[in-house]
Structure formats: C-alpha cells, structure tokens
PDB file of N, CA and C in Angstrom:
ATOM      1  N   MET A   1       9.075   0.348  -9.174  1.00  0.00           N
ATOM      2  CA  MET A   1       7.711   1.836  -8.730  1.00  0.00           C
ATOM      3  C   MET A   1       8.653   3.359  -8.399  1.00  0.00           C
ATOM      4  N   ASP A   2       8.401   4.108  -8.297  1.00  0.00           N
ATOM      5  CA  ASP A   2       8.887   5.712  -7.837  1.00  0.00           C
ATOM      6  C   ASP A   2       8.437   6.379  -6.780  1.00  0.00           C
ATOM      7  N   ARG A   3       8.994   7.116  -5.985  1.00  0.00           N
ATOM      8  CA  ARG A   3       9.450   6.963  -4.838  1.00  0.00           C
ATOM      9  C   ARG A   3       7.652   7.859  -4.780  1.00  0.00           C
ATOM     10  N   ALA A   4       6.915   8.430  -5.300  1.00  0.00           N
ATOM     11  CA  ALA A   4       5.854   9.200  -5.251  1.00  0.00           C
ATOM     12  C   ALA A   4       4.563   7.720  -5.053  1.00  0.00           C
ATOM     13  N   THR A   5       4.988   6.507  -6.192  1.00  0.00           N
ATOM     14  CA  THR A   5       4.353   5.844  -6.207  1.00  0.00           C
ATOM     15  C   THR A   5       4.258   5.128  -4.542  1.00  0.00           C
ATOM     16  N   ASP A   6       5.679   5.031  -4.570  1.00  0.00           N
ATOM     17  CA  ASP A   6       5.650   3.855  -2.661  1.00  0.00           C
ATOM     18  C   ASP A   6       5.131   3.991  -1.809  1.00  0.00           C
ATOM     19  N   LYS A   7       5.196   5.647  -1.292  1.00  0.00           N
ATOM     20  CA  LYS A   7       4.789   6.526  -0.451  1.00  0.00           C
ATOM     21  C   LYS A   7       2.753   6.945  -0.580  1.00  0.00           C
ATOM     22  N   LEU A   8       2.772   6.407  -1.652  1.00  0.00           N
ATOM     23  CA  LEU A   8       1.143   6.215  -1.698  1.00  0.00           C
ATOM     24  C   LEU A   8       0.225   5.401  -1.339  1.00  0.00           C
ATOM     25  N   MET A   9       1.619   3.926  -1.672  1.00  0.00           N
ATOM     26  CA  MET A   9       0.955   2.883  -1.931  1.00  0.00           C
ATOM     27  C   MET A   9       1.153   2.600  -0.014  1.00  0.00           C
ATOM     28  N   GLN A  10       2.239   2.879   0.590  1.00  0.00           N
ATOM     29  CA  GLN A  10       2.586   3.383   2.115  1.00  0.00           C
ATOM     30  C   GLN A  10       1.341   4.122   2.949  1.00  0.00           C
ATOM     31  N   ASP A  11       0.995   5.692   2.810  1.00  0.00           N
ATOM     32  CA  ASP A  11      -0.116   6.060   2.909  1.00  0.00           C
ATOM     33  C   ASP A  11      -1.339   5.078   3.066  1.00  0.00           C
ATOM     34  N   LEU A  12      -2.411   4.689   1.866  1.00  0.00           N
ATOM     35  CA  LEU A  12      -2.911   3.947   1.281  1.00  0.00           C
ATOM     36  C   LEU A  12      -2.785   2.565   2.528  1.00  0.00           C
ATOM     37  N   ARG A  13      -1.991   2.111   2.839  1.00  0.00           N
ATOM     38  CA  ARG A  13      -1.541   0.620   3.569  1.00  0.00           C
ATOM     39  C   ARG A  13      -2.188   1.308   5.152  1.00  0.00           C
ATOM     40  N   ALA A  14      -1.596   2.722   5.681  1.00  0.00           N
ATOM     41  CA  ALA A  14      -1.782   2.999   6.889  1.00  0.00           C
ATOM     42  C   ALA A  14      -3.038   3.027   7.182  1.00  0.00           C
ATOM     43  N   VAL A  15      -3.787   3.889   5.697  1.00  0.00           N
ATOM     44  CA  VAL A  15      -4.699   4.647   6.385  1.00  0.00           C
ATOM     45  C   VAL A  15      -6.086   2.810   5.870  1.00  0.00           C
ATOM     46  N   MET A  16      -5.389   2.034   5.508  1.00  0.00           N
ATOM     47  CA  MET A  16      -6.195   0.707   5.785  1.00  0.00           C
ATOM     48  C   MET A  16      -6.599   0.209   6.933  1.00  0.00           C
ATOM     49  N   ALA A  17      -5.205   0.329   7.588  1.00  0.00           N
ATOM     50  CA  ALA A  17      -4.783  -0.341   9.043  1.00  0.00           C
ATOM     51  C   ALA A  17      -5.454   0.588   9.843  1.00  0.00           C
ATOM     52  N   ASP A  18      -5.753   1.607  10.134  1.00  0.00           N
ATOM     53  CA  ASP A  18      -6.770   2.856  10.839  1.00  0.00           C
ATOM     54  C   ASP A  18      -7.893   2.788  10.599  1.00  0.00           C
ATOM     55  N   ALA A  19      -8.571   2.246   8.775  1.00  0.00           N
ATOM     56  CA  ALA A  19      -9.677   2.019   9.264  1.00  0.00           C
ATOM     57  C   ALA A  19     -10.092   1.305   9.765  1.00  0.00           C
ATOM     58  N   GLU A  20      -8.986  -0.312  10.013  1.00  0.00           N
ATOM     59  CA  GLU A  20     -10.030  -1.763  10.251  1.00  0.00           C
ATOM     60  C   GLU A  20      -9.978  -1.290  11.854  1.00  0.00           C
ATOM     61  N   ASP A  21      -9.198  -0.125  11.826  1.00  0.00           N
ATOM     62  CA  ASP A  21      -8.783  -0.530  13.777  1.00  0.00           C
ATOM     63  C   ASP A  21     -10.509   0.232  14.082  1.00  0.00           C
ATOM     64  N   LEU A  22     -10.521   1.113  13.390  1.00  0.00           N
ATOM     65  CA  LEU A  22     -12.038   2.022  13.385  1.00  0.00           C
ATOM     66  C   LEU A  22     -12.897   1.052  13.630  1.00  0.00           C
ATOM     67  N   LEU A  23     -12.860   0.411  13.029  1.00  0.00           N
ATOM     68  CA  LEU A  23     -14.300  -0.792  12.270  1.00  0.00           C
ATOM     69  C   LEU A  23     -14.319  -1.296  13.584  1.00  0.00           C
ATOM     70  N   LYS A  24     -13.040  -1.822  13.922  1.00  0.00           N
ATOM     71  CA  LYS A  24     -12.881  -3.247  14.906  1.00  0.00           C
ATOM     72  C   LYS A  24     -13.570  -2.388  16.358  1.00  0.00           C
ATOM     73  N   ALA A  25     -13.275  -1.312  16.681  1.00  0.00           N
ATOM     74  CA  ALA A  25     -13.772  -0.321  18.372  1.00  0.00           C
ATOM     75  C   ALA A  25     -15.111   0.145  17.574  1.00  0.00           C
ATOM     76  N   THR A  26     -15.274   0.312  16.592  1.00  0.00           N
ATOM     77  CA  THR A  26     -16.740   0.134  16.727  1.00  0.00           C
ATOM     78  C   THR A  26     -17.694  -0.706  16.661  1.00  0.00           C
ATOM     79  N   ALA A  27     -17.726  -1.883  16.694  1.00  0.00           N
ATOM     80  CA  ALA A  27     -17.940  -2.866  16.362  1.00  0.00           C
ATOM     81  C   ALA A  27     -19.132  -3.123  17.427  1.00  0.00           C
ATOM     82  N   GLY A  28     -19.343  -2.564  18.173  1.00  0.00           N
ATOM     83  CA  GLY A  28     -19.772  -3.494  19.595  1.00  0.00           C
ATOM     84  C   GLY A  28     -21.340  -2.013  19.181  1.00  0.00           C
ATOM     85  N   GLN A  29     -20.937  -0.866  18.985  1.00  0.00           N
ATOM     86  CA  GLN A  29     -22.196   0.373  18.806  1.00  0.00           C
ATOM     87  C   GLN A  29     -23.222   0.274  17.608  1.00  0.00           C
ATOM     88  N   SER A  30     -24.441   0.149  18.172  1.00  0.00           N
ATOM     89  CA  SER A  30     -25.456  -0.178  16.820  1.00  0.00           C
ATOM     90  C   SER A  30     -26.434   1.094  16.369  1.00  0.00           C
ATOM     91  N   ASP A  31     -25.646   2.225  16.811  1.00  0.00           N
ATOM     92  CA  ASP A  31     -26.136   3.717  16.037  1.00  0.00           C
ATOM     93  C   ASP A  31     -26.720   3.408  14.617  1.00  0.00           C
ATOM     94  N   GLU A  32     -27.213   3.813  14.273  1.00  0.00           N
ATOM     95  CA  GLU A  32     -28.244   3.563  12.135  1.00  0.00           C
ATOM     96  C   GLU A  32     -27.129   4.202  11.612  1.00  0.00           C
ATOM     97  N   ARG A  33     -26.695   5.084  11.688  1.00  0.00           N
ATOM     98  CA  ARG A  33     -25.815   6.153  11.167  1.00  0.00           C
ATOM     99  C   ARG A  33     -24.352   5.518  11.330  1.00  0.00           C
ATOM    100  N   LEU A  34     -23.640   5.317  12.170  1.00  0.00           N
ATOM    101  CA  LEU A  34     -22.671   4.752  12.545  1.00  0.00           C
ATOM    102  C   LEU A  34     -22.567   3.417  11.651  1.00  0.00           C
ATOM    103  N   GLU A  35     -23.885   2.858  11.405  1.00  0.00           N
ATOM    104  CA  GLU A  35     -23.904   1.605  10.890  1.00  0.00           C
ATOM    105  C   GLU A  35     -23.629   1.779   9.623  1.00  0.00           C
ATOM    106  N   GLN A  36     -24.293   2.325   9.409  1.00  0.00           N
ATOM    107  CA  GLN A  36     -23.896   2.982   7.844  1.00  0.00           C
ATOM    108  C   GLN A  36     -22.876   3.322   7.322  1.00  0.00           C
ATOM    109  N   ALA A  37     -22.007   4.091   8.169  1.00  0.00           N
ATOM    110  CA  ALA A  37     -20.521   4.281   7.790  1.00  0.00           C
ATOM    111  C   ALA A  37     -19.656   3.485   7.455  1.00  0.00           C
ATOM    112  N   ARG A  38     -20.240   2.333   8.676  1.00  0.00           N
ATOM    113  CA  ARG A  38     -18.681   1.427   8.209  1.00  0.00           C
ATOM    114  C   ARG A  38     -19.380   0.255   7.975  1.00  0.00           C
ATOM    115  N   ALA A  39     -20.399  -0.150   7.097  1.00  0.00           N
ATOM    116  CA  ALA A  39     -20.614  -0.476   5.584  1.00  0.00           C
ATOM    117  C   ALA A  39     -19.702   0.304   4.350  1.00  0.00           C
ATOM    118  N   ARG A  40     -20.099   1.192   4.441  1.00  0.00           N
ATOM    119  CA  ARG A  40     -19.918   2.135   3.332  1.00  0.00           C
ATOM    120  C   ARG A  40     -18.078   2.422   3.775  1.00  0.00           C
ATOM    121  N   ALA A  41     -17.438   2.425   5.094  1.00  0.00           N
ATOM    122  CA  ALA A  41     -16.254   2.329   5.133  1.00  0.00           C
ATOM    123  C   ALA A  41     -15.525   0.803   4.966  1.00  0.00           C
ATOM    124  N   GLU A  42     -16.736  -0.485   5.497  1.00  0.00           N
ATOM    125  CA  GLU A  42     -15.631  -2.014   4.974  1.00  0.00           C
ATOM    126  C   GLU A  42     -15.704  -2.016   3.168  1.00  0.00           C
ATOM    127  N   GLU A  43     -16.713  -1.804   2.942  1.00  0.00           N
ATOM    128  CA  GLU A  43     -16.800  -1.218   0.997  1.00  0.00           C
ATOM    129  C   GLU A  43     -15.628  -0.448   0.391  1.00  0.00           C
ATOM    130  N   SER A  44     -14.889   0.097   1.027  1.00  0.00           N
ATOM    131  CA  SER A  44     -14.062   0.432   0.211  1.00  0.00           C
ATOM    132  C   SER A  44     -13.045   0.383   0.985  1.00  0.00           C
ATOM    133  N   LEU A  45     -12.715  -0.251   2.198  1.00  0.00           N
ATOM    134  CA  LEU A  45     -11.650  -0.819   2.277  1.00  0.00           C
ATOM    135  C   LEU A  45     -11.306  -2.164   1.870  1.00  0.00           C
ATOM    136  N   ARG A  46     -12.348  -2.880   0.904  1.00  0.00           N
ATOM    137  CA  ARG A  46     -12.367  -3.954   0.116  1.00  0.00           C
ATOM    138  C   ARG A  46     -11.358  -3.788  -1.567  1.00  0.00           C
ATOM    139  N   ALA A  47     -12.426  -2.492  -1.485  1.00  0.00           N
ATOM    140  CA  ALA A  47     -11.241  -1.761  -3.006  1.00  0.00           C
ATOM    141  C   ALA A  47     -10.450  -1.502  -2.748  1.00  0.00           C
ATOM    142  N   ALA A  48      -9.666  -1.403  -1.821  1.00  0.00           N
ATOM    143  CA  ALA A  48      -9.033  -0.440  -1.671  1.00  0.00           C
ATOM    144  C   ALA A  48      -8.314  -1.465  -1.665  1.00  0.00           C
ATOM    145  N   ARG A  49      -8.028  -2.515  -0.982  1.00  0.00           N
ATOM    146  CA  ARG A  49      -7.512  -4.524  -0.818  1.00  0.00           C
ATOM    147  C   ARG A  49      -7.393  -4.115  -2.502  1.00  0.00           C
ATOM    148  N   ALA A  50      -8.510  -4.578  -2.566  1.00  0.00           N
ATOM    149  CA  ALA A  50      -8.490  -5.091  -4.737  1.00  0.00           C
ATOM    150  C   ALA A  50      -7.297  -4.266  -5.293  1.00  0.00           C
ATOM    151  N   SER A  51      -7.471  -2.533  -4.979  1.00  0.00           N
ATOM    152  CA  SER A  51      -6.232  -2.330  -5.889  1.00  0.00           C
ATOM    153  C   SER A  51      -4.465  -2.265  -5.476  1.00  0.00           C
ATOM    154  N   LEU A  52      -4.798  -2.526  -3.893  1.00  0.00           N
ATOM    155  CA  LEU A  52      -3.320  -2.939  -3.725  1.00  0.00           C
ATOM    156  C   LEU A  52      -2.438  -4.338  -4.467  1.00  0.00           C
ATOM    157  N   GLN A  53      -3.593  -4.800  -4.621  1.00  0.00           N
ATOM    158  CA  GLN A  53      -3.724  -6.649  -5.239  1.00  0.00           C
ATOM    159  C   GLN A  53      -3.007  -6.605  -6.142  1.00  0.00           C
ATOM    160  N   ASP A  54      -4.006  -5.786  -7.240  1.00  0.00           N
ATOM    161  CA  ASP A  54      -4.279  -5.247  -8.661  1.00  0.00           C
ATOM    162  C   ASP A  54      -2.253  -4.083  -9.195  1.00  0.00           C
ATOM    163  N   ALA A  55      -2.141  -3.591  -8.426  1.00  0.00           N
ATOM    164  CA  ALA A  55      -1.229  -2.977  -8.340  1.00  0.00           C
ATOM    165  C   ALA A  55       0.080  -3.609  -7.785  1.00  0.00           C
ATOM    166  N   GLY A  56       0.190  -4.695  -7.238  1.00  0.00           N
ATOM    167  CA  GLY A  56       1.186  -5.702  -6.796  1.00  0.00           C
ATOM    168  C   GLY A  56       0.974  -6.532  -8.355  1.00  0.00           C
ATOM    169  N   LEU A  57       0.441  -6.766  -8.924  1.00  0.00           N
ATOM    170  CA  LEU A  57       0.705  -8.423  -9.647  1.00  0.00           C
ATOM    171  C   LEU A  57       1.044  -7.419 -11.247  1.00  0.00           C
ATOM    172  N   GLN A  58       0.501  -6.291 -11.044  1.00  0.00           N
ATOM    173  CA  GLN A  58       1.421  -5.394 -12.273  1.00  0.00           C
ATOM    174  C   GLN A  58       2.818  -5.253 -12.666  1.00  0.00           C
ATOM    175  N   LEU A  59       3.111  -5.091 -10.671  1.00  0.00           N
ATOM    176  CA  LEU A  59       4.360  -5.250 -10.888  1.00  0.00           C
ATOM    177  C   LEU A  59       4.831  -5.809 -10.613  1.00  0.00           C
ATOM    178  N   GLU A  60       4.893  -6.745 -10.799  1.00  0.00           N
ATOM    179  CA  GLU A  60       5.583  -8.479 -10.774  1.00  0.00           C
ATOM    180  C   GLU A  60       5.024  -8.786 -12.230  1.00  0.00           C
ATOM    181  N   GLU A  61       4.327  -8.403 -12.807  1.00  0.00           N
ATOM    182  CA  GLU A  61       4.683  -8.713 -14.628  1.00  0.00           C
ATOM    183  C   GLU A  61       5.752  -7.985 -15.226  1.00  0.00           C
ATOM    184  N   GLN A  62       5.731  -6.262 -14.678  1.00  0.00           N
ATOM    185  CA  GLN A  62       6.824  -5.903 -15.370  1.00  0.00           C
ATOM    186  C   GLN A  62       8.154  -5.958 -15.087  1.00  0.00           C
ATOM    187  N   VAL A  63       8.644  -6.402 -13.698  1.00  0.00           N
ATOM    188  CA  VAL A  63       9.222  -7.250 -13.364  1.00  0.00           C
ATOM    189  C   VAL A  63       9.657  -8.859 -14.335  1.00  0.00           C
ATOM    190  N   ARG A  64       8.511  -9.203 -13.780  1.00  0.00           N
ATOM    191  CA  ARG A  64       9.019 -10.663 -15.640  1.00  0.00           C
ATOM    192  C   ARG A  64       9.208 -10.339 -16.984  1.00  0.00           C
ATOM    193  N   LEU A  65       8.562  -9.439 -17.331  1.00  0.00           N
ATOM    194  CA  LEU A  65       8.838  -9.065 -18.608  1.00  0.00           C
ATOM    195  C   LEU A  65      10.033  -8.014 -18.778  1.00  0.00           C
ATOM    196  N   HIS A  66      10.626  -7.381 -18.147  1.00  0.00           N
ATOM    197  CA  HIS A  66      11.820  -6.842 -17.662  1.00  0.00           C
ATOM    198  C   HIS A  66      12.623  -6.994 -17.119  1.00  0.00           C
ATOM    199  N   PRO A  67      12.780  -8.196 -16.571  1.00  0.00           N
ATOM    200  CA  PRO A  67      13.875  -8.133 -15.372  1.00  0.00           C
ATOM    201  C   PRO A  67      15.082  -6.887 -15.167  1.00  0.00           C
ATOM    202  N   TRP A  68      15.992  -7.169 -16.664  1.00  0.00           N
ATOM    203  CA  TRP A  68      17.284  -6.739 -16.184  1.00  0.00           C
ATOM    204  C   TRP A  68      17.088  -4.971 -16.135  1.00  0.00           C
ATOM    205  N   THR A  69      16.164  -4.761 -16.515  1.00  0.00           N
ATOM    206  CA  THR A  69      15.993  -3.058 -16.335  1.00  0.00           C
ATOM    207  C   THR A  69      15.446  -3.402 -14.783  1.00  0.00           C
ATOM    208  N   ALA A  70      14.823  -4.218 -13.973  1.00  0.00           N
ATOM    209  CA  ALA A  70      14.455  -4.494 -12.525  1.00  0.00           C
ATOM    210  C   ALA A  70      15.715  -4.787 -11.367  1.00  0.00           C
ATOM    211  N   LEU A  71      16.320  -5.254 -12.240  1.00  0.00           N
ATOM    212  CA  LEU A  71      17.424  -5.817 -11.151  1.00  0.00           C
ATOM    213  C   LEU A  71      19.102  -4.076 -11.625  1.00  0.00           C
ATOM    214  N   SER A  72      18.565  -3.945 -12.731  1.00  0.00           N
ATOM    215  CA  SER A  72      19.622  -2.443 -12.870  1.00  0.00           C
ATOM    216  C   SER A  72      19.115  -1.326 -11.862  1.00  0.00           C
ATOM    217  N   ILE A  73      17.479  -1.378 -11.823  1.00  0.00           N
ATOM    218  CA  ILE A  73      17.204  -0.376 -10.750  1.00  0.00           C
ATOM    219  C   ILE A  73      17.294  -0.321  -9.203  1.00  0.00           C
ATOM    220  N   ALA A  74      17.465  -2.100  -9.088  1.00  0.00           N
ATOM    221  CA  ALA A  74      17.556  -2.921  -7.529  1.00  0.00           C
ATOM    222  C   ALA A  74      19.100  -1.986  -7.265  1.00  0.00           C
ATOM    223  N   ALA A  75      19.705  -2.886  -8.182  1.00  0.00           N
ATOM    224  CA  ALA A  75      20.658  -2.302  -8.152  1.00  0.00           C
ATOM    225  C   ALA A  75      21.863  -1.095  -7.912  1.00  0.00           C
ATOM    226  N   ALA A  76      20.735   0.159  -8.588  1.00  0.00           N
ATOM    227  CA  ALA A  76      21.208   1.552  -8.210  1.00  0.00           C
ATOM    228  C   ALA A  76      21.015   1.932  -7.399  1.00  0.00           C
ATOM    229  N   ALA A  77      19.608   1.862  -6.656  1.00  0.00           N
ATOM    230  CA  ALA A  77      18.978   2.107  -5.614  1.00  0.00           C
ATOM    231  C   ALA A  77      19.983   1.687  -4.363  1.00  0.00           C
ATOM    232  N   GLY A  78      19.863   0.530  -4.304  1.00  0.00           N
ATOM    233  CA  GLY A  78      20.704  -0.289  -3.527  1.00  0.00           C
ATOM    234  C   GLY A  78      22.656   0.171  -3.130  1.00  0.00           C
ATOM    235  N   LEU A  79      23.170   1.084  -4.353  1.00  0.00           N
ATOM    236  CA  LEU A  79      24.557   1.778  -4.434  1.00  0.00           C
ATOM    237  C   LEU A  79      23.795   2.858  -3.598  1.00  0.00           C
ATOM    238  N   VAL A  80      22.702   3.615  -3.944  1.00  0.00           N
ATOM    239  CA  VAL A  80      22.835   4.999  -3.545  1.00  0.00           C
ATOM    240  C   VAL A  80      22.681   5.178  -2.095  1.00  0.00           C
ATOM    241  N   ILE A  81      21.695   4.159  -2.066  1.00  0.00           N
ATOM    242  CA  ILE A  81      21.654   4.187  -0.205  1.00  0.00           C
ATOM    243  C   ILE A  81      22.790   3.728   0.624  1.00  0.00           C
ATOM    244  N   GLY A  82      23.653   2.330  -0.226  1.00  0.00           N
ATOM    245  CA  GLY A  82      25.127   2.644   0.358  1.00  0.00           C
ATOM    246  C   GLY A  82      25.746   3.592   0.412  1.00  0.00           C
ATOM    247  N   ILE A  83      26.341   4.329  -0.584  1.00  0.00           N
ATOM    248  CA  ILE A  83      26.874   5.235  -0.237  1.00  0.00           C
ATOM    249  C   ILE A  83      25.827   6.187   0.853  1.00  0.00           C
ATOM    250  N   LEU A  84      24.590   6.960   0.344  1.00  0.00           N
ATOM    251  CA  LEU A  84      24.060   8.052   2.227  1.00  0.00           C
ATOM    252  C   LEU A  84      24.394   7.077   3.092  1.00  0.00           C
ATOM    253  N   LEU A  85      24.098   6.066   3.161  1.00  0.00           N
ATOM    254  CA  LEU A  85      24.185   5.551   4.813  1.00  0.00           C
ATOM    255  C   LEU A  85      25.865   5.984   5.176  1.00  0.00           C
ATOM    256  N   SER A  86      27.326   5.231   4.016  1.00  0.00           N
ATOM    257  CA  SER A  86      28.447   5.504   4.254  1.00  0.00           C
ATOM    258  C   SER A  86      28.893   6.462   5.123  1.00  0.00           C
ATOM    259  N   ARG A  87      28.177   7.577   4.579  1.00  0.00           N
ATOM    260  CA  ARG A  87      28.462   8.761   5.007  1.00  0.00           C
ATOM    261  C   ARG A  87      28.063   9.141   6.364  1.00  0.00           C
ATOM    262  N   LYS A  88      28.883   9.645   6.800  1.00  0.00           N
ATOM    263  CA  LYS A  88      28.404   9.679   8.723  1.00  0.00           C
ATOM    264  C   LYS A  88      28.899  11.159   8.953  1.00  0.00           C
TER     265      LYS A  88
END
C-alpha cells in the first residue's frame, strides 16, 4: 500500500475507535434522536470494519501473488527508514 492508503486506513481506524467510545459513553441515554444516531453510527462502524477486512484480504492476496515484489518493497522501505534514522 502507498502512504496515502496507509494514512487513510490509520485515520479510519481512529475514527472507528472514537465512534465506539462515543457509542459506549451514550449507551445509558434514551433520547429517541440519540438512539437513531447511535443506530446509524453502529451500522457505519460495521460497514467500516467490513471495508477494512476486505482491504486487508486484498493486500494479503496481492502479497501472495507477488511475493518478490512485496519483499522488495519492504526491503526498500526498511533501507530508507534505516538511512533516515541513522542521520542525526
């Protein structure tokens, strides 16, 4: 995955965690509008989890189909990170 995709996935995970915290915090409240909003949020979270799982499965499939490419990308990323970290 490229950097933009990684950032998007990271942001999506953060939003999901925040939404779960919000749902837990409002669980005891019984306002009808709040209940409707909670139901929509729960459905959105289910859809987001499914999307993340699908993306993970697609990534896994691509790595299985192209293992040398994946290994090369990982090695290059490790090399770049190592070079950047060694500079002080």
